[in-house]
């Protein structure tokens, strides 16, 4: 039986990651392992479920496919993440056990224990990997930040949306999320 990651002087790889126990959830960013415990809160899961439901209904019969965690997304030899929600429009990226390459859209629902990692390490990784649109939802403060890749391959300044606004998803034209329904106020 393979063991969970221990401290190391070298970066961990996808091969290392795939050898870790299946009953544990980890992410690998720049070769550094991050434990995904504890499980997200009920509010986190409720918000993620509402967004996923809207995306799934909107994408029915279309080439883009939505996914909800846990799904491995392999971005490089040293980067494997499990975003809360993602959309992939290139079917060649969808493998039997993982997504291989950058999704078109990634949505992370913040948790107090992972918010800093989502806003710093994961945002930098998604930008570097070419994720076109990165949406961050704060279920405690009821607001959303949206990042979109500019022509230079860098995220433009975040747009911020409040609870009483609609969130248009730029990577999925015509899909608009009414945030009052997402946050259920």
Protein backbone atom coordinates (compact mmCIF):
# COMPACT_ATOMS: atom_id res chain seq x y z
CA UNK A 1 0.00 0.00 0.00
CA UNK A 2 1.33 3.42 -0.92
CA UNK A 3 1.34 6.10 1.71
CA UNK A 4 0.20 9.70 1.67
CA UNK A 5 2.81 12.33 0.86
CA UNK A 6 5.51 13.18 3.33
CA UNK A 7 7.87 16.08 3.27
CA UNK A 8 10.23 15.97 0.35
CA UNK A 9 13.07 18.02 -1.05
CA UNK A 10 11.86 17.38 -4.59
CA UNK A 11 8.48 18.20 -6.11
CA UNK A 12 5.91 15.43 -6.21
CA UNK A 13 4.64 14.30 -9.61
CA UNK A 14 1.39 12.99 -11.05
CA UNK A 15 2.84 9.47 -10.74
CA UNK A 16 3.38 10.03 -6.99
CA UNK A 17 -0.12 11.47 -6.65
CA UNK A 18 -1.72 8.49 -8.38
CA UNK A 19 -0.06 6.17 -5.85
CA UNK A 20 -1.58 7.83 -2.80
CA UNK A 21 -4.54 6.17 -1.01
CA UNK A 22 -7.90 6.49 -2.79
CA UNK A 23 -9.71 7.23 0.46
CA UNK A 24 -7.79 10.49 0.90
CA UNK A 25 -8.28 13.68 -1.15
CA UNK A 26 -5.20 15.65 -2.16
CA UNK A 27 -4.29 18.31 -4.68
CA UNK A 28 -0.83 18.83 -6.12
CA UNK A 29 0.21 22.39 -7.01
CA UNK A 30 3.74 23.02 -8.26
CA UNK A 31 4.67 19.62 -6.82
CA UNK A 32 3.45 20.55 -3.32
CA UNK A 33 0.68 18.34 -1.85
CA UNK A 34 -2.37 19.96 -0.23
CA UNK A 35 -4.75 17.89 1.91
CA UNK A 36 -8.41 18.41 0.98
CA UNK A 37 -9.72 17.61 4.49
CA UNK A 38 -12.04 18.32 6.13
CA UNK A 39 -15.06 18.02 3.89
CA UNK A 40 -16.68 21.30 2.76
CA UNK A 41 -19.57 22.84 4.70
CA UNK A 42 -23.21 22.27 3.83
CA UNK A 43 -23.53 25.86 2.55
CA UNK A 44 -20.46 25.34 0.31
CA UNK A 45 -21.97 22.17 -1.14
CA UNK A 46 -25.40 23.76 -1.56
CA UNK A 47 -23.98 26.72 -3.50
CA UNK A 48 -21.82 24.40 -5.65
CA UNK A 49 -24.83 22.19 -6.32
CA UNK A 50 -27.01 25.10 -7.42
CA UNK A 51 -24.36 26.37 -9.85
CA UNK A 52 -23.76 22.87 -11.21
CA UNK A 53 -27.49 22.30 -11.72
CA UNK A 54 -27.80 25.49 -13.78
CA UNK A 55 -24.71 24.64 -15.85
CA UNK A 56 -25.90 21.07 -16.45
CA UNK A 57 -29.34 22.24 -17.62
CA UNK A 58 -27.83 24.90 -19.88
CA UNK A 59 -25.26 22.55 -21.44
CA UNK A 60 -27.63 19.65 -22.10
CA UNK A 61 -27.18 18.64 -25.75
CA UNK A 62 -24.19 20.97 -26.22
CA UNK A 63 -20.56 19.93 -26.74
CA UNK A 64 -19.31 21.37 -23.43
CA UNK A 65 -19.57 19.10 -20.37
CA UNK A 66 -19.85 20.21 -16.72
CA UNK A 67 -18.21 18.32 -13.84
CA UNK A 68 -18.46 18.61 -10.06
CA UNK A 69 -15.80 17.60 -7.49
CA UNK A 70 -14.15 15.30 -6.92
CA UNK A 71 -12.70 15.04 -10.43
CA UNK A 72 -8.94 15.05 -11.03
CA UNK A 73 -7.74 17.72 -13.44
CA UNK A 74 -4.17 17.05 -14.56
CA UNK A 75 -2.62 20.31 -15.70
CA UNK A 76 1.06 19.31 -15.78
CA UNK A 77 3.53 16.74 -14.46
CA UNK A 78 3.40 18.47 -11.05
CA UNK A 79 -0.17 19.83 -10.96
CA UNK A 80 -3.35 17.89 -10.19
CA UNK A 81 -6.36 19.75 -8.78
CA UNK A 82 -9.97 19.00 -7.96
CA UNK A 83 -11.95 22.19 -8.63
CA UNK A 84 -15.43 22.43 -7.16
CA UNK A 85 -16.92 22.83 -10.65
CA UNK A 86 -15.50 22.85 -14.14
CA UNK A 87 -16.58 22.87 -17.76
CA UNK A 88 -14.64 21.21 -20.58
CA UNK A 89 -15.54 21.95 -24.20
CA UNK A 90 -12.86 19.80 -25.86
CA UNK A 91 -13.88 16.11 -25.61
CA UNK A 92 -10.26 15.02 -26.18
CA UNK A 93 -9.42 16.35 -22.70
CA UNK A 94 -11.96 14.07 -21.01
CA UNK A 95 -10.32 10.81 -19.97
CA UNK A 96 -11.78 7.80 -18.22
CA UNK A 97 -10.45 8.84 -14.80
CA UNK A 98 -9.37 12.48 -15.19
CA UNK A 99 -9.46 15.65 -17.22
CA UNK A 100 -6.18 16.16 -19.08
CA UNK A 101 -5.48 19.84 -19.70
CA UNK A 102 -7.04 23.16 -18.88
CA UNK A 103 -10.83 23.33 -18.55
CA UNK A 104 -12.61 26.25 -20.24
CA UNK A 105 -14.20 27.30 -16.94
CA UNK A 106 -13.28 26.59 -13.31
CA UNK A 107 -15.48 27.57 -10.37
CA UNK A 108 -14.16 27.42 -6.82
CA UNK A 109 -16.48 27.92 -3.85
CA UNK A 110 -14.39 29.33 -1.02
CA UNK A 111 -14.04 27.62 2.34
CA UNK A 112 -12.28 29.33 5.23
CA UNK A 113 -9.60 26.62 5.28
CA UNK A 114 -8.80 26.85 1.53
CA UNK A 115 -9.66 30.43 0.52
CA UNK A 116 -6.07 31.68 0.51
CA UNK A 117 -4.89 28.71 -1.59
CA UNK A 118 -7.80 29.20 -4.04
CA UNK A 119 -7.06 32.91 -4.44
CA UNK A 120 -3.27 32.64 -4.61
CA UNK A 121 -1.81 29.29 -5.66
CA UNK A 122 -4.75 27.96 -7.65
CA UNK A 123 -5.46 31.28 -9.39
CA UNK A 124 -1.80 31.47 -10.50
CA UNK A 125 -1.91 27.82 -11.62
CA UNK A 126 -5.15 28.26 -13.60
CA UNK A 127 -3.77 31.36 -15.29
CA UNK A 128 -0.49 29.60 -16.16
CA UNK A 129 -2.35 26.51 -17.43
CA UNK A 130 -4.66 28.57 -19.68
CA UNK A 131 -8.03 28.21 -17.91
CA UNK A 132 -10.06 30.80 -19.85
CA UNK A 133 -12.39 31.79 -17.02
CA UNK A 134 -11.93 31.43 -13.26
CA UNK A 135 -14.89 32.18 -11.00
CA UNK A 136 -14.56 32.35 -7.22
CA UNK A 137 -17.70 32.27 -5.09
CA UNK A 138 -17.67 33.37 -1.45
CA UNK A 139 -20.72 31.70 0.19
CA UNK A 140 -20.16 33.43 3.52
CA UNK A 141 -19.92 37.00 2.21
CA UNK A 142 -22.27 36.39 -0.78
CA UNK A 143 -20.18 37.75 -3.62
CA UNK A 144 -18.40 36.44 -6.71
CA UNK A 145 -15.12 37.34 -8.40
CA UNK A 146 -14.59 36.50 -12.06
CA UNK A 147 -11.23 36.37 -13.86
CA UNK A 148 -10.89 35.99 -17.64
CA UNK A 149 -7.74 35.41 -19.67
CA UNK A 150 -6.68 38.43 -21.71
CA UNK A 151 -4.93 38.29 -25.05
CA UNK A 152 -1.57 38.24 -23.26
CA UNK A 153 -2.50 34.98 -21.45
CA UNK A 154 -2.90 36.74 -18.08
CA UNK A 155 -6.07 37.24 -16.08
CA UNK A 156 -7.51 40.72 -16.42
CA UNK A 157 -8.57 42.50 -13.24
CA UNK A 158 -11.30 40.65 -11.40
CA UNK A 159 -14.88 41.71 -11.82
CA UNK A 160 -16.90 41.53 -8.61
CA UNK A 161 -20.61 40.69 -8.51
CA UNK A 162 -22.96 41.12 -5.56
CA UNK A 163 -25.83 38.98 -4.40
CA UNK A 164 -28.46 41.08 -6.19
CA UNK A 165 -26.72 40.85 -9.58
CA UNK A 166 -26.59 38.32 -12.40
CA UNK A 167 -23.30 36.66 -13.30
CA UNK A 168 -22.80 36.17 -17.05
CA UNK A 169 -20.26 33.44 -17.77
CA UNK A 170 -17.99 34.68 -20.53
CA UNK A 171 -16.79 31.21 -21.53
CA UNK A 172 -20.41 30.03 -21.89
CA UNK A 173 -22.25 32.83 -23.69
CA UNK A 174 -25.95 33.04 -22.86
CA UNK A 175 -25.54 31.34 -19.47
CA UNK A 176 -26.35 33.84 -16.75
CA UNK A 177 -26.42 32.88 -13.08
CA UNK A 178 -28.83 34.89 -10.91
CA UNK A 179 -26.76 35.17 -7.74
CA UNK A 180 -29.77 35.67 -5.46
CA UNK A 181 -30.79 32.11 -6.44
CA UNK A 182 -27.26 30.77 -6.05
CA UNK A 183 -27.01 32.22 -2.54
CA UNK A 184 -30.79 31.69 -1.92
CA UNK A 185 -31.61 34.89 -0.12
